[in-house]
Amino acid sequence: MPELPEIETIKSVVEPQIQGLTIENVLVNRPEVIAHPTADEFCENVTGQVIGSMARRGKFLIINLGNKNKIILHLRMTGCLLVTTSDYQLEKHTHIIMQLNNGMELRFSDTRRFGRFWLIRNDEKDTYSGIEKLGLEPLSAECNTEYLQSQLKKRKKAIKECLLDQSVIAGIGNIYSDEILYRARINPSAPANGLSISEWERLAFEIADCLRYFIDKNSISQKDYLTTKGQDYRNTPFLQVYGHADEPCPNCGNTLCRIVISGRSSVYCPACQK
């Protein structure tokens, strides 16, 4: 599933291409992708609207419309947003096409069909998408040592599991929790209530620093993003531990180990993350 750095990449690529344009028509090939309201209501309410800015909240993308309504979308496992010409080859699992007034199209494809769209009207409370239940943004100044301790220091759960709790910190998933904990030199299975003050401080620093690093490494041009169908912009060459089980630790050379924590795979260095 795309995590915060990938969602930031998609936003940075897509937003400049659609901002200020009008949605002239909407084609929905899979009505179930529209989680709220109905597909017909969705099409009726967004057609004719000018696209304002885009935003990210956790792993969600938000498209702000000129009438102050907003489209919220979650890509889930395999969702993809592309801005294309109308004659560009259609991806096999394209479920939504928004035709824009400059002849371009904003297309959403999703092989596994888990991705969802919500249209939230300006005067409507969002009780549908789950975005209101998210915790702090990890790049915010408020997501600091004191906040992490206030939310997590009494928990007996593994710190890896705590970092995946979207109600505490929004946007971190399996990949970057591994990378953050490696950089902070904290064992992923360590109980949150056993961390020292210096470990909380390192963790708070590395959450923001690690995510910013990978946002930068994910940078890609609009052309390359389209050429690779929005799937080949990830920072795999820069990941130090995730996906590298049984390989040498980049820091000390010891063998990286894979364990399972609450059903999620985690890779760490037993020497650097005692």
C-alpha atoms as a PDB file:
ATOM      1  CA  MET A   1       0.000   0.000   0.000  1.00  0.00           C
ATOM      2  CA  PRO A   2       1.323   3.475  -0.805  1.00  0.00           C
ATOM      3  CA  GLU A   3       2.387   5.290   2.348  1.00  0.00           C
ATOM      4  CA  LEU A   4       2.880   8.972   3.097  1.00  0.00           C
ATOM      5  CA  PRO A   5       5.934   9.561   0.837  1.00  0.00           C
ATOM      6  CA  GLU A   6       4.227   7.894  -2.144  1.00  0.00           C
ATOM      7  CA  ILE A   7       1.004   9.851  -1.626  1.00  0.00           C
ATOM      8  CA  GLU A   8       3.038  13.067  -1.494  1.00  0.00           C
ATOM      9  CA  THR A   9       4.669  12.084  -4.784  1.00  0.00           C
ATOM     10  CA  ILE A  10       1.312  11.479  -6.454  1.00  0.00           C
ATOM     11  CA  LYS A  11       0.027  14.832  -5.195  1.00  0.00           C
ATOM     12  CA  SER A  12       3.105  16.686  -6.451  1.00  0.00           C
ATOM     13  CA  VAL A  13       2.769  15.097  -9.904  1.00  0.00           C
ATOM     14  CA  VAL A  14      -1.001  15.313 -10.356  1.00  0.00           C
ATOM     15  CA  GLU A  15      -1.910  18.643  -8.752  1.00  0.00           C
ATOM     16  CA  PRO A  16      -0.088  20.975 -11.198  1.00  0.00           C
ATOM     17  CA  GLN A  17      -1.720  19.175 -14.127  1.00  0.00           C
ATOM     18  CA  ILE A  18      -5.330  19.518 -12.971  1.00  0.00           C
ATOM     19  CA  GLN A  19      -5.405  22.669 -10.830  1.00  0.00           C
ATOM     20  CA  GLY A  20      -7.735  25.331 -12.203  1.00  0.00           C
ATOM     21  CA  LEU A  21      -9.354  23.010 -14.758  1.00  0.00           C
ATOM     22  CA  THR A  22     -13.050  22.212 -15.004  1.00  0.00           C
ATOM     23  CA  ILE A  23     -14.453  18.694 -14.803  1.00  0.00           C
ATOM     24  CA  GLU A  24     -16.646  18.496 -17.908  1.00  0.00           C
ATOM     25  CA  ASN A  25     -17.773  14.906 -17.593  1.00  0.00           C
ATOM     26  CA  VAL A  26     -17.290  11.872 -15.355  1.00  0.00           C
ATOM     27  CA  LEU A  27     -17.358   8.246 -16.488  1.00  0.00           C
ATOM     28  CA  VAL A  28     -17.702   5.584 -13.797  1.00  0.00           C
ATOM     29  CA  ASN A  29     -17.057   2.022 -14.921  1.00  0.00           C
ATOM     30  CA  ARG A  30     -17.224   0.514 -11.437  1.00  0.00           C
ATOM     31  CA  PRO A  31     -19.941   2.213  -9.329  1.00  0.00           C
ATOM     32  CA  GLU A  32     -18.793   0.437  -6.155  1.00  0.00           C
ATOM     33  CA  VAL A  33     -15.588   2.491  -6.217  1.00  0.00           C
ATOM     34  CA  ILE A  34     -17.725   5.502  -5.205  1.00  0.00           C
ATOM     35  CA  ALA A  35     -18.288   4.830  -1.510  1.00  0.00           C
ATOM     36  CA  HIS A  36     -20.345   8.005  -0.880  1.00  0.00           C
ATOM     37  CA  PRO A  37     -22.761   9.196  -2.170  1.00  0.00           C
ATOM     38  CA  THR A  38     -24.123   7.073  -5.049  1.00  0.00           C
ATOM     39  CA  ALA A  39     -22.172   7.018  -8.304  1.00  0.00           C
ATOM     40  CA  ASP A  40     -24.915   9.025 -10.044  1.00  0.00           C
ATOM     41  CA  GLU A  41     -24.905  11.691  -7.331  1.00  0.00           C
ATOM     42  CA  PHE A  42     -21.124  11.816  -7.409  1.00  0.00           C
ATOM     43  CA  CYS A  43     -21.078  12.441 -11.171  1.00  0.00           C
ATOM     44  CA  GLU A  44     -23.853  15.032 -10.969  1.00  0.00           C
ATOM     45  CA  ASN A  45     -22.173  16.988  -8.186  1.00  0.00           C
ATOM     46  CA  VAL A  46     -18.630  17.114  -9.558  1.00  0.00           C
ATOM     47  CA  THR A  47     -19.479  17.750 -13.216  1.00  0.00           C
ATOM     48  CA  GLY A  48     -18.953  21.411 -14.050  1.00  0.00           C
ATOM     49  CA  GLN A  49     -16.794  22.052 -10.984  1.00  0.00           C
ATOM     50  CA  VAL A  50     -13.398  23.744 -11.086  1.00  0.00           C
ATOM     51  CA  ILE A  51     -10.566  21.826  -9.438  1.00  0.00           C
ATOM     52  CA  GLY A  52      -8.802  23.899  -6.822  1.00  0.00           C
ATOM     53  CA  SER A  53      -5.940  22.562  -4.768  1.00  0.00           C
ATOM     54  CA  MET A  54      -5.011  19.042  -3.739  1.00  0.00           C
ATOM     55  CA  ALA A  55      -4.062  17.990  -0.238  1.00  0.00           C
ATOM     56  CA  ARG A  56      -2.862  14.903   1.570  1.00  0.00           C
ATOM     57  CA  ARG A  57      -4.080  13.647   4.953  1.00  0.00           C
ATOM     58  CA  GLY A  58      -2.337  10.510   6.122  1.00  0.00           C
ATOM     59  CA  LYS A  59      -2.654   8.101   3.187  1.00  0.00           C
ATOM     60  CA  PHE A  60      -5.689   9.928   1.770  1.00  0.00           C
ATOM     61  CA  LEU A  61      -5.704  12.375  -1.151  1.00  0.00           C
ATOM     62  CA  ILE A  62      -8.131  15.300  -1.204  1.00  0.00           C
ATOM     63  CA  ILE A  63      -9.244  17.235  -4.284  1.00  0.00           C
ATOM     64  CA  ASN A  64     -10.773  20.561  -3.289  1.00  0.00           C
ATOM     65  CA  LEU A  65     -13.450  21.813  -5.683  1.00  0.00           C
ATOM     66  CA  GLY A  66     -14.449  25.382  -6.464  1.00  0.00           C
ATOM     67  CA  ASN A  67     -17.786  25.100  -4.651  1.00  0.00           C
ATOM     68  CA  LYS A  68     -15.915  24.015  -1.484  1.00  0.00           C
ATOM     69  CA  ASN A  69     -16.994  20.411  -1.822  1.00  0.00           C
ATOM     70  CA  LYS A  70     -14.140  17.917  -1.750  1.00  0.00           C
ATOM     71  CA  ILE A  71     -13.330  14.576  -3.280  1.00  0.00           C
ATOM     72  CA  ILE A  72     -11.511  12.262  -0.890  1.00  0.00           C
ATOM     73  CA  LEU A  73      -9.807   9.162  -2.221  1.00  0.00           C
ATOM     74  CA  HIS A  74      -7.777   6.311  -0.831  1.00  0.00           C
ATOM     75  CA  LEU A  75      -5.667   4.244  -3.215  1.00  0.00           C
ATOM     76  CA  ARG A  76      -5.450   1.234  -0.892  1.00  0.00           C
ATOM     77  CA  MET A  77      -3.204  -1.509  -2.293  1.00  0.00           C
ATOM     78  CA  THR A  78      -3.084  -0.970  -6.061  1.00  0.00           C
ATOM     79  CA  GLY A  79      -4.906   2.278  -6.849  1.00  0.00           C
ATOM     80  CA  CYS A  80      -3.317   4.660  -9.351  1.00  0.00           C
ATOM     81  CA  LEU A  81      -4.045   8.203 -10.547  1.00  0.00           C
ATOM     82  CA  LEU A  82      -2.908   9.273 -14.014  1.00  0.00           C
ATOM     83  CA  VAL A  83      -3.378  12.482 -15.985  1.00  0.00           C
ATOM     84  CA  THR A  84      -3.491  11.569 -19.681  1.00  0.00           C
ATOM     85  CA  THR A  85      -4.621  12.750 -23.071  1.00  0.00           C
ATOM     86  CA  SER A  86      -8.010  11.411 -24.144  1.00  0.00           C
ATOM     87  CA  ASP A  87      -6.415   9.098 -26.722  1.00  0.00           C
ATOM     88  CA  TYR A  88      -3.858   7.630 -24.298  1.00  0.00           C
ATOM     89  CA  GLN A  89      -4.098   3.857 -23.984  1.00  0.00           C
ATOM     90  CA  LEU A  90      -6.601   2.941 -21.300  1.00  0.00           C
ATOM     91  CA  GLU A  91      -5.342   0.827 -18.420  1.00  0.00           C
ATOM     92  CA  LYS A  92      -7.199  -2.470 -18.099  1.00  0.00           C
ATOM     93  CA  HIS A  93      -8.683  -1.751 -14.668  1.00  0.00           C
ATOM     94  CA  THR A  94      -9.639   1.901 -15.151  1.00  0.00           C
ATOM     95  CA  HIS A  95     -12.724   2.577 -13.027  1.00  0.00           C
ATOM     96  CA  ILE A  96     -13.172   6.373 -13.104  1.00  0.00           C
ATOM     97  CA  ILE A  97     -12.384   8.922 -15.815  1.00  0.00           C
ATOM     98  CA  MET A  98     -12.797  12.654 -15.238  1.00  0.00           C
ATOM     99  CA  GLN A  99     -12.736  14.514 -18.539  1.00  0.00           C
ATOM    100  CA  LEU A 100     -11.245  17.990 -18.174  1.00  0.00           C
ATOM    101  CA  ASN A 101     -11.849  21.133 -20.201  1.00  0.00           C
ATOM    102  CA  ASN A 102      -8.339  21.176 -21.698  1.00  0.00           C
ATOM    103  CA  GLY A 103      -8.797  17.777 -23.328  1.00  0.00           C
ATOM    104  CA  MET A 104      -6.906  15.884 -20.632  1.00  0.00           C
ATOM    105  CA  GLU A 105      -8.342  13.190 -18.387  1.00  0.00           C
ATOM    106  CA  LEU A 106      -7.823  12.301 -14.737  1.00  0.00           C
ATOM    107  CA  ARG A 107      -8.039   8.509 -14.577  1.00  0.00           C
ATOM    108  CA  PHE A 108      -8.243   6.170 -11.621  1.00  0.00           C
ATOM    109  CA  SER A 109      -7.294   2.529 -12.102  1.00  0.00           C
ATOM    110  CA  ASP A 110      -7.109  -0.197  -9.488  1.00  0.00           C
ATOM    111  CA  THR A 111      -6.340  -3.843 -10.185  1.00  0.00           C
ATOM    112  CA  ARG A 112      -7.667  -5.153  -6.872  1.00  0.00           C
ATOM    113  CA  ARG A 113     -10.573  -2.686  -6.668  1.00  0.00           C
ATOM    114  CA  PHE A 114     -10.064  -1.792  -2.999  1.00  0.00           C
ATOM    115  CA  GLY A 115      -9.583   1.948  -3.630  1.00  0.00           C
ATOM    116  CA  ARG A 116     -12.487   4.250  -2.790  1.00  0.00           C
ATOM    117  CA  PHE A 117     -13.800   7.759  -3.528  1.00  0.00           C
ATOM    118  CA  TRP A 118     -15.991   9.912  -1.301  1.00  0.00           C
ATOM    119  CA  LEU A 119     -17.620  13.232  -2.181  1.00  0.00           C
ATOM    120  CA  ILE A 120     -18.080  15.351   0.924  1.00  0.00           C
ATOM    121  CA  ARG A 121     -20.218  18.451   0.495  1.00  0.00           C
ATOM    122  CA  ASN A 122     -19.227  21.709   2.132  1.00  0.00           C
ATOM    123  CA  ASP A 123     -22.080  21.545   4.655  1.00  0.00           C
ATOM    124  CA  GLU A 124     -21.726  17.815   5.286  1.00  0.00           C
ATOM    125  CA  LYS A 125     -19.908  16.153   8.176  1.00  0.00           C
ATOM    126  CA  ASP A 126     -17.536  13.458   6.978  1.00  0.00           C
ATOM    127  CA  THR A 127     -18.645  10.333   8.778  1.00  0.00           C
ATOM    128  CA  TYR A 128     -17.836   8.152   5.786  1.00  0.00           C
ATOM    129  CA  SER A 129     -14.158   8.116   4.781  1.00  0.00           C
ATOM    130  CA  GLY A 130     -12.544   7.665   8.196  1.00  0.00           C
ATOM    131  CA  ILE A 131     -10.291  10.653   7.672  1.00  0.00           C
ATOM    132  CA  GLU A 132     -11.677  12.348  10.790  1.00  0.00           C
ATOM    133  CA  LYS A 133     -10.304   9.529  12.953  1.00  0.00           C
ATOM    134  CA  LEU A 134      -6.687  10.081  11.919  1.00  0.00           C
ATOM    135  CA  GLY A 135      -4.036  11.172  14.387  1.00  0.00           C
ATOM    136  CA  LEU A 136      -1.396  13.840  13.922  1.00  0.00           C
ATOM    137  CA  GLU A 137       0.500  14.338  10.704  1.00  0.00           C
ATOM    138  CA  PRO A 138       4.021  12.977  11.306  1.00  0.00           C
ATOM    139  CA  LEU A 139       5.619  15.999   9.614  1.00  0.00           C
ATOM    140  CA  SER A 140       3.842  18.470  11.888  1.00  0.00           C
ATOM    141  CA  ALA A 141       5.659  20.255  14.701  1.00  0.00           C
ATOM    142  CA  GLU A 142       3.091  18.852  17.125  1.00  0.00           C
ATOM    143  CA  CYS A 143       4.233  15.293  16.439  1.00  0.00           C
ATOM    144  CA  ASN A 144       7.118  15.554  18.880  1.00  0.00           C
ATOM    145  CA  THR A 145       8.610  13.620  21.777  1.00  0.00           C
ATOM    146  CA  GLU A 146       5.990  14.818  24.229  1.00  0.00           C
ATOM    147  CA  TYR A 147       3.122  13.847  21.952  1.00  0.00           C
ATOM    148  CA  LEU A 148       4.492  10.363  21.279  1.00  0.00           C
ATOM    149  CA  GLN A 149       4.995   9.736  24.972  1.00  0.00           C
ATOM    150  CA  SER A 150       1.537  11.024  25.871  1.00  0.00           C
ATOM    151  CA  GLN A 151      -0.058   8.662  23.361  1.00  0.00           C
ATOM    152  CA  LEU A 152       2.142   5.577  23.546  1.00  0.00           C
ATOM    153  CA  LYS A 153       4.376   5.347  26.618  1.00  0.00           C
ATOM    154  CA  LYS A 154       1.805   3.405  28.672  1.00  0.00           C
ATOM    155  CA  ARG A 155       1.158   0.829  25.959  1.00  0.00           C
ATOM    156  CA  LYS A 156       2.519  -2.688  26.262  1.00  0.00           C
ATOM    157  CA  LYS A 157       2.302  -3.246  22.506  1.00  0.00           C
ATOM    158  CA  ALA A 158       5.407  -3.448  20.339  1.00  0.00           C
ATOM    159  CA  ILE A 159       6.533  -0.008  19.176  1.00  0.00           C
ATOM    160  CA  LYS A 160       6.305  -1.217  15.574  1.00  0.00           C
ATOM    161  CA  GLU A 161       2.591  -1.898  16.034  1.00  0.00           C
ATOM    162  CA  CYS A 162       2.131   1.500  17.697  1.00  0.00           C
ATOM    163  CA  LEU A 163       3.635   3.330  14.722  1.00  0.00           C
ATOM    164  CA  LEU A 164       1.059   1.669  12.461  1.00  0.00           C
ATOM    165  CA  ASP A 165      -1.847   3.034  14.535  1.00  0.00           C
ATOM    166  CA  GLN A 166      -3.356   5.644  12.215  1.00  0.00           C
ATOM    167  CA  SER A 167      -5.345   7.176  15.079  1.00  0.00           C
ATOM    168  CA  VAL A 168      -2.056   8.262  16.661  1.00  0.00           C
ATOM    169  CA  ILE A 169       0.142   9.064  13.641  1.00  0.00           C
ATOM    170  CA  ALA A 170      -1.307   9.266  10.139  1.00  0.00           C
ATOM    171  CA  GLY A 171       0.493   7.924   7.096  1.00  0.00           C
ATOM    172  CA  ILE A 172       3.126   5.494   8.380  1.00  0.00           C
ATOM    173  CA  GLY A 173       2.840   1.902   7.177  1.00  0.00           C
ATOM    174  CA  ASN A 174       4.885  -1.270   7.214  1.00  0.00           C
ATOM    175  CA  ILE A 175       7.717   0.034   5.041  1.00  0.00           C
ATOM    176  CA  TYR A 176       8.534   3.259   6.823  1.00  0.00           C
ATOM    177  CA  SER A 177       7.959   1.952  10.335  1.00  0.00           C
ATOM    178  CA  ASP A 178      10.852  -0.438   9.665  1.00  0.00           C
ATOM    179  CA  GLU A 179      13.033   2.321   8.240  1.00  0.00           C
ATOM    180  CA  ILE A 180      12.237   4.756  11.063  1.00  0.00           C
ATOM    181  CA  LEU A 181      12.963   2.230  13.808  1.00  0.00           C
ATOM    182  CA  TYR A 182      16.229   1.197  12.140  1.00  0.00           C
ATOM    183  CA  ARG A 183      17.399   4.796  11.957  1.00  0.00           C
ATOM    184  CA  ALA A 184      16.318   5.371  15.563  1.00  0.00           C
ATOM    185  CA  ARG A 185      18.138   2.176  16.700  1.00  0.00           C
ATOM    186  CA  ILE A 186      15.006   0.766  18.357  1.00  0.00           C
ATOM    187  CA  ASN A 187      14.014  -2.877  18.172  1.00  0.00           C
ATOM    188  CA  PRO A 188      10.600  -3.146  16.488  1.00  0.00           C
ATOM    189  CA  SER A 189       9.364  -5.669  19.078  1.00  0.00           C
ATOM    190  CA  ALA A 190      10.302  -3.466  22.047  1.00  0.00           C
ATOM    191  CA  PRO A 191       7.216  -2.617  24.149  1.00  0.00           C
ATOM    192  CA  ALA A 192       6.355   1.061  23.928  1.00  0.00           C
ATOM    193  CA  ASN A 193       6.180   1.358  27.704  1.00  0.00           C
ATOM    194  CA  GLY A 194       9.809   0.247  27.972  1.00  0.00           C
ATOM    195  CA  LEU A 195      11.398   2.937  25.806  1.00  0.00           C
ATOM    196  CA  SER A 196      13.823   5.397  27.413  1.00  0.00           C
ATOM    197  CA  ILE A 197      13.528   9.160  27.030  1.00  0.00           C
ATOM    198  CA  SER A 198      16.468   9.172  24.611  1.00  0.00           C
ATOM    199  CA  GLU A 199      14.727   6.546  22.474  1.00  0.00           C
ATOM    200  CA  TRP A 200      11.524   8.615  22.385  1.00  0.00           C
ATOM    201  CA  GLU A 201      13.597  11.626  21.330  1.00  0.00           C
ATOM    202  CA  ARG A 202      15.355   9.685  18.572  1.00  0.00           C
ATOM    203  CA  LEU A 203      12.048   8.242  17.409  1.00  0.00           C
ATOM    204  CA  ALA A 204      10.372  11.657  17.188  1.00  0.00           C
ATOM    205  CA  PHE A 205      13.306  13.020  15.189  1.00  0.00           C
ATOM    206  CA  GLU A 206      13.550  10.075  12.803  1.00  0.00           C
ATOM    207  CA  ILE A 207       9.819   9.943  12.056  1.00  0.00           C
ATOM    208  CA  ALA A 208       9.975  13.356  10.408  1.00  0.00           C
ATOM    209  CA  ASP A 209      13.524  13.106   9.073  1.00  0.00           C
ATOM    210  CA  CYS A 210      13.043   9.668   7.519  1.00  0.00           C
ATOM    211  CA  LEU A 211       9.763  10.559   5.828  1.00  0.00           C
ATOM    212  CA  ARG A 212      11.187  13.808   4.419  1.00  0.00           C
ATOM    213  CA  TYR A 213      14.196  11.890   3.104  1.00  0.00           C
ATOM    214  CA  PHE A 214      12.018   9.434   1.203  1.00  0.00           C
ATOM    215  CA  ILE A 215       9.692  12.150  -0.085  1.00  0.00           C
ATOM    216  CA  ASP A 216      12.777  13.721  -1.630  1.00  0.00           C
ATOM    217  CA  LYS A 217      14.021  10.404  -3.035  1.00  0.00           C
ATOM    218  CA  ASN A 218      10.599   9.705  -4.564  1.00  0.00           C
ATOM    219  CA  SER A 219      10.760  12.819  -6.732  1.00  0.00           C
ATOM    220  CA  ILE A 220       9.823  12.066 -10.349  1.00  0.00           C
ATOM    221  CA  SER A 221       8.885  14.079 -13.446  1.00  0.00           C
ATOM    222  CA  GLN A 222       5.342  14.075 -14.822  1.00  0.00           C
ATOM    223  CA  LYS A 223       6.623  12.383 -17.983  1.00  0.00           C
ATOM    224  CA  ASP A 224       8.379   9.551 -16.164  1.00  0.00           C
ATOM    225  CA  TYR A 225       5.434   9.071 -13.814  1.00  0.00           C
ATOM    226  CA  LEU A 226       3.097   8.609 -16.776  1.00  0.00           C
ATOM    227  CA  THR A 227       5.536   6.406 -18.678  1.00  0.00           C
ATOM    228  CA  THR A 228       5.775   4.016 -15.724  1.00  0.00           C
ATOM    229  CA  LYS A 229       1.985   4.155 -15.167  1.00  0.00           C
ATOM    230  CA  GLY A 230       2.516   5.691 -11.748  1.00  0.00           C
ATOM    231  CA  GLN A 231       4.071   2.505 -10.409  1.00  0.00           C
ATOM    232  CA  ASP A 232       7.843   2.976 -10.645  1.00  0.00           C
ATOM    233  CA  TYR A 233       8.578   6.023  -8.532  1.00  0.00           C
ATOM    234  CA  ARG A 234       9.179   4.275  -5.229  1.00  0.00           C
ATOM    235  CA  ASN A 235      12.414   4.525  -3.307  1.00  0.00           C
ATOM    236  CA  THR A 236      13.356   0.831  -3.280  1.00  0.00           C
ATOM    237  CA  PRO A 237      17.103   1.476  -3.866  1.00  0.00           C
ATOM    238  CA  PHE A 238      17.218   3.675  -0.755  1.00  0.00           C
ATOM    239  CA  LEU A 239      15.460   1.355   1.694  1.00  0.00           C
ATOM    240  CA  GLN A 240      17.998   0.132   4.224  1.00  0.00           C
ATOM    241  CA  VAL A 241      16.130  -2.688   5.942  1.00  0.00           C
ATOM    242  CA  TYR A 242      12.637  -3.196   4.541  1.00  0.00           C
ATOM    243  CA  GLY A 243      12.740  -6.091   2.063  1.00  0.00           C
ATOM    244  CA  HIS A 244      16.372  -6.873   2.939  1.00  0.00           C
ATOM    245  CA  ALA A 245      16.001  -9.777   5.369  1.00  0.00           C
ATOM    246  CA  ASP A 246      19.072 -12.064   5.496  1.00  0.00           C
ATOM    247  CA  GLU A 247      21.247  -9.390   3.921  1.00  0.00           C
ATOM    248  CA  PRO A 248      24.106  -7.526   5.688  1.00  0.00           C
ATOM    249  CA  CYS A 249      23.156  -4.523   7.813  1.00  0.00           C
ATOM    250  CA  PRO A 250      24.294  -1.342   5.985  1.00  0.00           C
ATOM    251  CA  ASN A 251      25.692  -0.042   9.274  1.00  0.00           C
ATOM    252  CA  CYS A 252      27.431  -2.947  11.002  1.00  0.00           C
ATOM    253  CA  GLY A 253      27.391  -5.848   8.552  1.00  0.00           C
ATOM    254  CA  ASN A 254      25.422  -8.235  10.766  1.00  0.00           C
ATOM    255  CA  THR A 255      22.626 -10.202   9.119  1.00  0.00           C
ATOM    256  CA  LEU A 256      19.254  -8.456   9.065  1.00  0.00           C
ATOM    257  CA  CYS A 257      16.460 -10.512  10.605  1.00  0.00           C
ATOM    258  CA  ARG A 258      12.797 -10.837   9.736  1.00  0.00           C
ATOM    259  CA  ILE A 259      10.158 -11.277  12.441  1.00  0.00           C
ATOM    260  CA  VAL A 260       6.369 -11.058  12.478  1.00  0.00           C
ATOM    261  CA  ILE A 261       4.694  -8.570  14.821  1.00  0.00           C
ATOM    262  CA  SER A 262       0.901  -8.697  15.041  1.00  0.00           C
ATOM    263  CA  GLY A 263       0.745 -10.334  11.643  1.00  0.00           C
ATOM    264  CA  ARG A 264       3.039  -7.797   9.986  1.00  0.00           C
ATOM    265  CA  SER A 265       6.509  -8.554   8.681  1.00  0.00           C
ATOM    266  CA  SER A 266       9.337  -6.516  10.170  1.00  0.00           C
ATOM    267  CA  VAL A 267      13.043  -6.443   9.318  1.00  0.00           C
ATOM    268  CA  TYR A 268      15.666  -5.155  11.736  1.00  0.00           C
ATOM    269  CA  CYS A 269      19.310  -5.473  12.759  1.00  0.00           C
ATOM    270  CA  PRO A 270      19.740  -7.426  16.015  1.00  0.00           C
ATOM    271  CA  ALA A 271      23.042  -5.661  16.665  1.00  0.00           C
ATOM    272  CA  CYS A 272      22.054  -2.058  15.935  1.00  0.00           C
ATOM    273  CA  GLN A 273      18.529  -2.427  17.341  1.00  0.00           C
ATOM    274  CA  LYS A 274      19.117  -4.417  20.520  1.00  0.00           C
END
